[in-house]
Amino acid sequence: SSDLRKNNYMRAYHNSYLDRPSCSRCQFIKGYRAGDITVGDFLGAEEVFPSLYEDKKGVSLVLINTEKGKKFFENVKEQFTLKETTMAVAFRKNHKKPAEYRNERTELLNRIDEQGIDALLLSYNDLRK
């Protein structure tokens, strides 16, 4: 929503000011997964599965990576509304490349104890300029 786009935390997050340094070297964007199950945001789900997005709360993406994960998920899947898709569709809006490393991240973290978080994040909000 437009309010979310103006949220200082979300702007800093989406502009990669809050990413861990390892995000810029992410090895998981190509399909490799270390865990049995991976859970994350399904970005663009409202375009693929509009009925799942009617409450505007977002849609989670669940990847089953191993047999152990498959067995576990079989026991809990009845508790969810599910739609099956491909990795290509699920990752259309996300996970195309590692996050850009932002040098400003270090500056932001160095200032976090000096300044209130709201004012600090406002200073990194590119919509306010």
N, C-alpha and C. Protein backbone atom coordinates (compact mmCIF):
# COMPACT_ATOMS: atom_id res chain seq x y z
N SER A 1 0.83 -1.18 0.00
CA SER A 1 0.00 0.00 0.00
C SER A 1 0.87 1.24 0.00
N SER A 2 0.29 2.39 -0.30
CA SER A 2 1.06 3.63 -0.35
C SER A 2 1.56 4.02 1.03
N ASP A 3 0.79 3.74 2.11
CA ASP A 3 1.25 4.03 3.46
C ASP A 3 2.50 3.22 3.80
N LEU A 4 2.51 1.98 3.38
CA LEU A 4 3.67 1.12 3.64
C LEU A 4 4.89 1.64 2.90
N ARG A 5 4.71 2.15 1.69
CA ARG A 5 5.84 2.71 0.93
C ARG A 5 6.46 3.90 1.64
N LYS A 6 5.66 4.62 2.44
CA LYS A 6 6.16 5.80 3.13
C LYS A 6 6.74 5.47 4.51
N ASN A 7 6.52 4.26 4.99
CA ASN A 7 7.02 3.83 6.29
C ASN A 7 8.55 3.85 6.28
N ASN A 8 9.14 4.56 7.23
CA ASN A 8 10.59 4.72 7.25
C ASN A 8 11.33 3.39 7.37
N TYR A 9 10.84 2.49 8.22
CA TYR A 9 11.49 1.19 8.36
C TYR A 9 11.43 0.42 7.03
N MET A 10 10.24 0.38 6.42
CA MET A 10 10.09 -0.38 5.17
C MET A 10 10.94 0.20 4.06
N ARG A 11 11.07 1.52 3.99
CA ARG A 11 11.92 2.15 2.97
C ARG A 11 13.38 1.74 3.18
N ALA A 12 13.83 1.78 4.44
CA ALA A 12 15.22 1.39 4.72
C ALA A 12 15.43 -0.09 4.40
N TYR A 13 14.45 -0.91 4.74
CA TYR A 13 14.53 -2.35 4.47
C TYR A 13 14.58 -2.61 2.96
N HIS A 14 13.65 -2.03 2.22
CA HIS A 14 13.58 -2.29 0.78
C HIS A 14 14.73 -1.65 0.01
N ASN A 15 15.39 -0.68 0.58
CA ASN A 15 16.55 -0.08 -0.07
C ASN A 15 17.86 -0.71 0.40
N SER A 16 17.77 -1.83 1.10
CA SER A 16 18.91 -2.65 1.53
C SER A 16 19.82 -1.98 2.55
N TYR A 17 19.33 -0.99 3.29
CA TYR A 17 20.13 -0.38 4.34
C TYR A 17 20.21 -1.26 5.58
N LEU A 18 19.31 -2.21 5.71
CA LEU A 18 19.25 -3.04 6.92
C LEU A 18 19.70 -4.48 6.68
N ASP A 19 20.10 -4.81 5.47
CA ASP A 19 20.51 -6.17 5.15
C ASP A 19 21.80 -6.55 5.86
N ARG A 20 21.90 -7.82 6.19
CA ARG A 20 23.16 -8.34 6.70
C ARG A 20 24.16 -8.34 5.55
N PRO A 21 25.45 -8.15 5.82
CA PRO A 21 26.44 -8.19 4.74
C PRO A 21 26.38 -9.49 3.91
N SER A 22 26.04 -10.60 4.54
CA SER A 22 25.99 -11.88 3.82
C SER A 22 24.91 -11.88 2.74
N CYS A 23 23.90 -11.00 2.83
CA CYS A 23 22.84 -10.94 1.82
C CYS A 23 23.40 -10.55 0.45
N SER A 24 24.51 -9.82 0.43
CA SER A 24 25.10 -9.42 -0.84
C SER A 24 25.89 -10.56 -1.49
N ARG A 25 26.06 -11.64 -0.76
CA ARG A 25 26.76 -12.83 -1.29
C ARG A 25 25.86 -14.06 -1.21
N CYS A 26 24.54 -13.83 -1.24
CA CYS A 26 23.57 -14.90 -1.00
C CYS A 26 23.73 -16.06 -1.98
N GLN A 27 23.84 -17.26 -1.43
CA GLN A 27 23.96 -18.46 -2.25
C GLN A 27 22.61 -19.17 -2.43
N PHE A 28 21.56 -18.62 -1.80
CA PHE A 28 20.27 -19.30 -1.79
C PHE A 28 19.34 -18.87 -2.93
N ILE A 29 19.74 -17.90 -3.72
CA ILE A 29 18.86 -17.41 -4.78
C ILE A 29 18.76 -18.38 -5.96
N LYS A 30 19.63 -19.30 -6.05
CA LYS A 30 19.64 -20.22 -7.19
C LYS A 30 18.95 -21.55 -6.91
N GLY A 31 18.28 -21.67 -5.78
CA GLY A 31 17.56 -22.90 -5.52
C GLY A 31 18.14 -23.73 -4.40
N TYR A 32 19.42 -23.55 -4.08
CA TYR A 32 20.02 -24.30 -2.97
C TYR A 32 19.37 -23.87 -1.66
N ARG A 33 19.05 -24.81 -0.83
CA ARG A 33 18.47 -24.52 0.48
C ARG A 33 19.14 -25.42 1.52
N ALA A 34 19.47 -24.85 2.66
CA ALA A 34 20.15 -25.61 3.71
C ALA A 34 19.17 -26.36 4.61
N GLY A 35 17.95 -25.84 4.77
CA GLY A 35 16.99 -26.43 5.70
C GLY A 35 16.03 -27.38 5.03
N ASP A 36 15.27 -28.06 5.84
CA ASP A 36 14.26 -29.00 5.35
C ASP A 36 13.08 -28.26 4.71
N ILE A 37 12.73 -27.11 5.28
CA ILE A 37 11.63 -26.27 4.80
C ILE A 37 12.10 -24.83 4.82
N THR A 38 11.73 -24.07 3.82
CA THR A 38 12.02 -22.63 3.78
C THR A 38 10.69 -21.89 3.73
N VAL A 39 10.54 -20.89 4.58
CA VAL A 39 9.33 -20.07 4.62
C VAL A 39 9.73 -18.61 4.40
N GLY A 40 9.00 -17.92 3.54
CA GLY A 40 9.28 -16.51 3.28
C GLY A 40 8.08 -15.83 2.66
N ASP A 41 8.25 -14.57 2.31
CA ASP A 41 7.19 -13.81 1.66
C ASP A 41 7.07 -14.22 0.20
N PHE A 42 5.84 -14.35 -0.28
CA PHE A 42 5.57 -14.62 -1.70
C PHE A 42 5.26 -13.27 -2.33
N LEU A 43 6.30 -12.59 -2.78
CA LEU A 43 6.11 -11.29 -3.39
C LEU A 43 5.43 -11.45 -4.75
N GLY A 44 4.40 -10.65 -4.98
CA GLY A 44 3.65 -10.73 -6.24
C GLY A 44 2.54 -11.76 -6.22
N ALA A 45 2.27 -12.35 -5.06
CA ALA A 45 1.22 -13.38 -4.95
C ALA A 45 -0.14 -12.84 -5.37
N GLU A 46 -0.37 -11.55 -5.13
CA GLU A 46 -1.67 -10.97 -5.48
C GLU A 46 -1.95 -11.02 -6.97
N GLU A 47 -0.90 -11.08 -7.79
CA GLU A 47 -1.07 -11.19 -9.24
C GLU A 47 -1.29 -12.64 -9.69
N VAL A 48 -0.69 -13.57 -8.99
CA VAL A 48 -0.77 -14.99 -9.35
C VAL A 48 -1.99 -15.67 -8.73
N PHE A 49 -2.23 -15.38 -7.45
CA PHE A 49 -3.32 -15.98 -6.70
C PHE A 49 -4.12 -14.88 -5.99
N PRO A 50 -4.90 -14.09 -6.72
CA PRO A 50 -5.62 -12.96 -6.10
C PRO A 50 -6.51 -13.38 -4.93
N SER A 51 -7.09 -14.56 -4.98
CA SER A 51 -8.00 -14.98 -3.90
C SER A 51 -7.26 -15.15 -2.57
N LEU A 52 -5.98 -15.45 -2.61
CA LEU A 52 -5.20 -15.59 -1.38
C LEU A 52 -4.84 -14.24 -0.77
N TYR A 53 -4.97 -13.20 -1.55
CA TYR A 53 -4.51 -11.87 -1.12
C TYR A 53 -5.66 -10.95 -0.76
N GLU A 54 -6.86 -11.48 -0.67
CA GLU A 54 -8.03 -10.63 -0.42
C GLU A 54 -7.96 -9.88 0.90
N ASP A 55 -7.32 -10.45 1.92
CA ASP A 55 -7.23 -9.76 3.21
C ASP A 55 -6.08 -8.76 3.26
N LYS A 56 -5.28 -8.69 2.20
CA LYS A 56 -4.16 -7.75 2.08
C LYS A 56 -3.09 -7.93 3.15
N LYS A 57 -3.04 -9.08 3.77
CA LYS A 57 -2.05 -9.34 4.82
C LYS A 57 -0.78 -10.00 4.28
N GLY A 58 -0.78 -10.34 3.01
CA GLY A 58 0.38 -11.00 2.44
C GLY A 58 0.17 -12.50 2.33
N VAL A 59 1.05 -13.11 1.59
CA VAL A 59 1.00 -14.55 1.36
C VAL A 59 2.40 -15.10 1.60
N SER A 60 2.48 -16.19 2.30
CA SER A 60 3.77 -16.83 2.55
C SER A 60 4.08 -17.85 1.47
N LEU A 61 5.35 -18.03 1.25
CA LEU A 61 5.85 -19.04 0.33
C LEU A 61 6.51 -20.12 1.16
N VAL A 62 6.15 -21.38 0.91
CA VAL A 62 6.74 -22.50 1.63
C VAL A 62 7.42 -23.40 0.60
N LEU A 63 8.71 -23.62 0.80
CA LEU A 63 9.46 -24.52 -0.07
C LEU A 63 9.80 -25.77 0.72
N ILE A 64 9.49 -26.91 0.17
CA ILE A 64 9.82 -28.19 0.78
C ILE A 64 11.11 -28.65 0.13
N ASN A 65 12.18 -28.74 0.92
CA ASN A 65 13.51 -28.98 0.37
C ASN A 65 14.02 -30.41 0.51
N THR A 66 13.47 -31.16 1.45
CA THR A 66 13.98 -32.51 1.70
C THR A 66 12.81 -33.45 1.98
N GLU A 67 13.10 -34.73 1.99
CA GLU A 67 12.09 -35.72 2.36
C GLU A 67 11.61 -35.50 3.80
N LYS A 68 12.53 -35.17 4.68
CA LYS A 68 12.16 -34.89 6.07
C LYS A 68 11.17 -33.72 6.12
N GLY A 69 11.45 -32.68 5.34
CA GLY A 69 10.54 -31.54 5.28
C GLY A 69 9.19 -31.91 4.70
N LYS A 70 9.20 -32.78 3.72
CA LYS A 70 7.95 -33.23 3.10
C LYS A 70 7.10 -34.01 4.10
N LYS A 71 7.73 -34.89 4.85
CA LYS A 71 7.00 -35.67 5.86
C LYS A 71 6.40 -34.75 6.93
N PHE A 72 7.17 -33.78 7.37
CA PHE A 72 6.66 -32.85 8.37
C PHE A 72 5.47 -32.07 7.81
N PHE A 73 5.63 -31.53 6.61
CA PHE A 73 4.59 -30.69 6.03
C PHE A 73 3.30 -31.46 5.79
N GLU A 74 3.41 -32.72 5.45
CA GLU A 74 2.22 -33.57 5.27
C GLU A 74 1.37 -33.58 6.54
N ASN A 75 2.01 -33.49 7.69
CA ASN A 75 1.29 -33.53 8.97
C ASN A 75 0.63 -32.20 9.35
N VAL A 76 1.02 -31.12 8.72
CA VAL A 76 0.47 -29.80 9.11
C VAL A 76 -0.25 -29.08 7.98
N LYS A 77 -0.17 -29.57 6.78
CA LYS A 77 -0.67 -28.82 5.62
C LYS A 77 -2.17 -28.54 5.66
N GLU A 78 -2.93 -29.35 6.38
CA GLU A 78 -4.38 -29.14 6.47
C GLU A 78 -4.73 -27.84 7.19
N GLN A 79 -3.77 -27.27 7.88
CA GLN A 79 -4.01 -26.04 8.64
C GLN A 79 -3.85 -24.78 7.77
N PHE A 80 -3.53 -24.97 6.51
CA PHE A 80 -3.24 -23.84 5.62
C PHE A 80 -4.11 -23.88 4.37
N THR A 81 -4.27 -22.73 3.76
CA THR A 81 -4.85 -22.64 2.42
C THR A 81 -3.67 -22.69 1.46
N LEU A 82 -3.63 -23.68 0.60
CA LEU A 82 -2.45 -23.91 -0.23
C LEU A 82 -2.75 -23.77 -1.72
N LYS A 83 -1.78 -23.28 -2.44
CA LYS A 83 -1.78 -23.26 -3.90
C LYS A 83 -0.38 -23.68 -4.32
N GLU A 84 -0.28 -24.58 -5.26
CA GLU A 84 1.01 -25.03 -5.73
C GLU A 84 1.44 -24.20 -6.93
N THR A 85 2.74 -23.93 -7.01
CA THR A 85 3.27 -23.16 -8.14
C THR A 85 4.70 -23.63 -8.41
N THR A 86 5.34 -23.02 -9.39
CA THR A 86 6.73 -23.35 -9.72
C THR A 86 7.67 -22.33 -9.08
N MET A 87 8.94 -22.67 -8.99
CA MET A 87 9.94 -21.74 -8.47
C MET A 87 10.01 -20.50 -9.37
N ALA A 88 9.89 -20.69 -10.67
CA ALA A 88 9.96 -19.56 -11.60
C ALA A 88 8.85 -18.55 -11.31
N VAL A 89 7.65 -19.02 -11.05
CA VAL A 89 6.53 -18.13 -10.74
C VAL A 89 6.72 -17.52 -9.35
N ALA A 90 7.09 -18.33 -8.39
CA ALA A 90 7.24 -17.86 -7.02
C ALA A 90 8.34 -16.81 -6.88
N PHE A 91 9.36 -16.88 -7.70
CA PHE A 91 10.49 -15.96 -7.58
C PHE A 91 10.48 -14.87 -8.65
N ARG A 92 9.35 -14.66 -9.31
CA ARG A 92 9.28 -13.61 -10.34
C ARG A 92 9.65 -12.24 -9.79
N LYS A 93 9.24 -11.94 -8.57
CA LYS A 93 9.45 -10.61 -7.98
C LYS A 93 10.54 -10.60 -6.92
N ASN A 94 11.26 -11.68 -6.78
CA ASN A 94 12.22 -11.76 -5.70
C ASN A 94 13.29 -12.80 -6.04
N HIS A 95 14.39 -12.72 -5.37
CA HIS A 95 15.46 -13.72 -5.46
C HIS A 95 16.05 -13.86 -6.86
N LYS A 96 16.17 -12.77 -7.58
CA LYS A 96 16.81 -12.83 -8.90
C LYS A 96 18.32 -12.65 -8.78
N LYS A 97 18.75 -11.91 -7.76
CA LYS A 97 20.18 -11.67 -7.54
C LYS A 97 20.38 -11.32 -6.07
N PRO A 98 21.61 -11.43 -5.58
CA PRO A 98 21.85 -11.05 -4.19
C PRO A 98 21.53 -9.57 -3.98
N ALA A 99 21.22 -9.21 -2.74
CA ALA A 99 20.94 -7.82 -2.40
C ALA A 99 22.19 -6.97 -2.61
N GLU A 100 21.98 -5.74 -3.02
CA GLU A 100 23.10 -4.81 -3.19
C GLU A 100 23.64 -4.45 -1.81
N TYR A 101 24.96 -4.50 -1.64
CA TYR A 101 25.53 -4.08 -0.36
C TYR A 101 25.60 -2.56 -0.34
N ARG A 102 25.05 -1.97 0.70
CA ARG A 102 25.01 -0.51 0.84
C ARG A 102 26.00 -0.08 1.92
N ASN A 103 26.98 0.73 1.56
CA ASN A 103 27.94 1.25 2.54
C ASN A 103 27.25 2.08 3.61
N GLU A 104 26.10 2.66 3.26
CA GLU A 104 25.36 3.48 4.22
C GLU A 104 24.88 2.66 5.42
N ARG A 105 24.81 1.33 5.28
CA ARG A 105 24.38 0.46 6.37
C ARG A 105 25.26 0.67 7.60
N THR A 106 26.58 0.71 7.39
CA THR A 106 27.52 0.90 8.50
C THR A 106 27.28 2.24 9.17
N GLU A 107 27.09 3.28 8.38
CA GLU A 107 26.82 4.61 8.93
C GLU A 107 25.52 4.60 9.74
N LEU A 108 24.49 3.99 9.20
CA LEU A 108 23.20 3.91 9.89
C LEU A 108 23.37 3.20 11.23
N LEU A 109 24.04 2.06 11.24
CA LEU A 109 24.21 1.29 12.48
C LEU A 109 25.09 2.04 13.49
N ASN A 110 26.07 2.81 13.01
CA ASN A 110 26.91 3.59 13.91
C ASN A 110 26.12 4.72 14.57
N ARG A 111 25.09 5.21 13.92
CA ARG A 111 24.28 6.33 14.44
C ARG A 111 23.10 5.86 15.29
N ILE A 112 22.85 4.58 15.35
CA ILE A 112 21.62 4.09 15.97
C ILE A 112 21.55 4.40 17.47
N ASP A 113 22.68 4.47 18.15
CA ASP A 113 22.67 4.78 19.58
C ASP A 113 22.64 6.28 19.86
N GLU A 114 22.96 7.09 18.85
CA GLU A 114 23.02 8.54 19.03
C GLU A 114 21.68 9.22 18.78
N GLN A 115 20.82 8.56 18.05
CA GLN A 115 19.63 9.23 17.53
C GLN A 115 18.44 8.28 17.68
N GLY A 116 17.25 8.82 17.90
CA GLY A 116 16.07 7.98 17.94
C GLY A 116 15.87 7.25 16.62
N ILE A 117 15.36 6.04 16.67
CA ILE A 117 15.23 5.21 15.48
C ILE A 117 14.33 5.83 14.43
N ASP A 118 13.25 6.48 14.84
CA ASP A 118 12.34 7.08 13.86
C ASP A 118 13.03 8.18 13.07
N ALA A 119 13.72 9.08 13.77
CA ALA A 119 14.43 10.17 13.10
C ALA A 119 15.56 9.64 12.22
N LEU A 120 16.26 8.65 12.73
CA LEU A 120 17.36 8.06 11.96
C LEU A 120 16.84 7.44 10.66
N LEU A 121 15.81 6.61 10.75
CA LEU A 121 15.28 5.97 9.55
C LEU A 121 14.65 6.99 8.60
N LEU A 122 14.06 8.05 9.13
CA LEU A 122 13.53 9.11 8.28
C LEU A 122 14.64 9.72 7.43
N SER A 123 15.82 9.85 7.99
CA SER A 123 16.93 10.45 7.24
C SER A 123 17.39 9.56 6.08
N TYR A 124 17.00 8.28 6.08
CA TYR A 124 17.33 7.36 4.99
C TYR A 124 16.14 7.10 4.06
N ASN A 125 15.02 7.74 4.31
CA ASN A 125 13.82 7.53 3.51
C ASN A 125 13.93 8.34 2.22
N ASP A 126 14.10 7.64 1.10
CA ASP A 126 14.30 8.30 -0.19
C ASP A 126 13.04 9.00 -0.70
N LEU A 127 11.89 8.74 -0.11
CA LEU A 127 10.65 9.42 -0.54
C LEU A 127 10.52 10.82 0.06
N ARG A 128 11.26 11.10 1.12
CA ARG A 128 11.14 12.40 1.77
C ARG A 128 11.94 13.47 1.05
N LYS A 129 12.85 13.08 0.18
CA LYS A 129 13.74 14.04 -0.50
C LYS A 129 13.05 14.74 -1.65
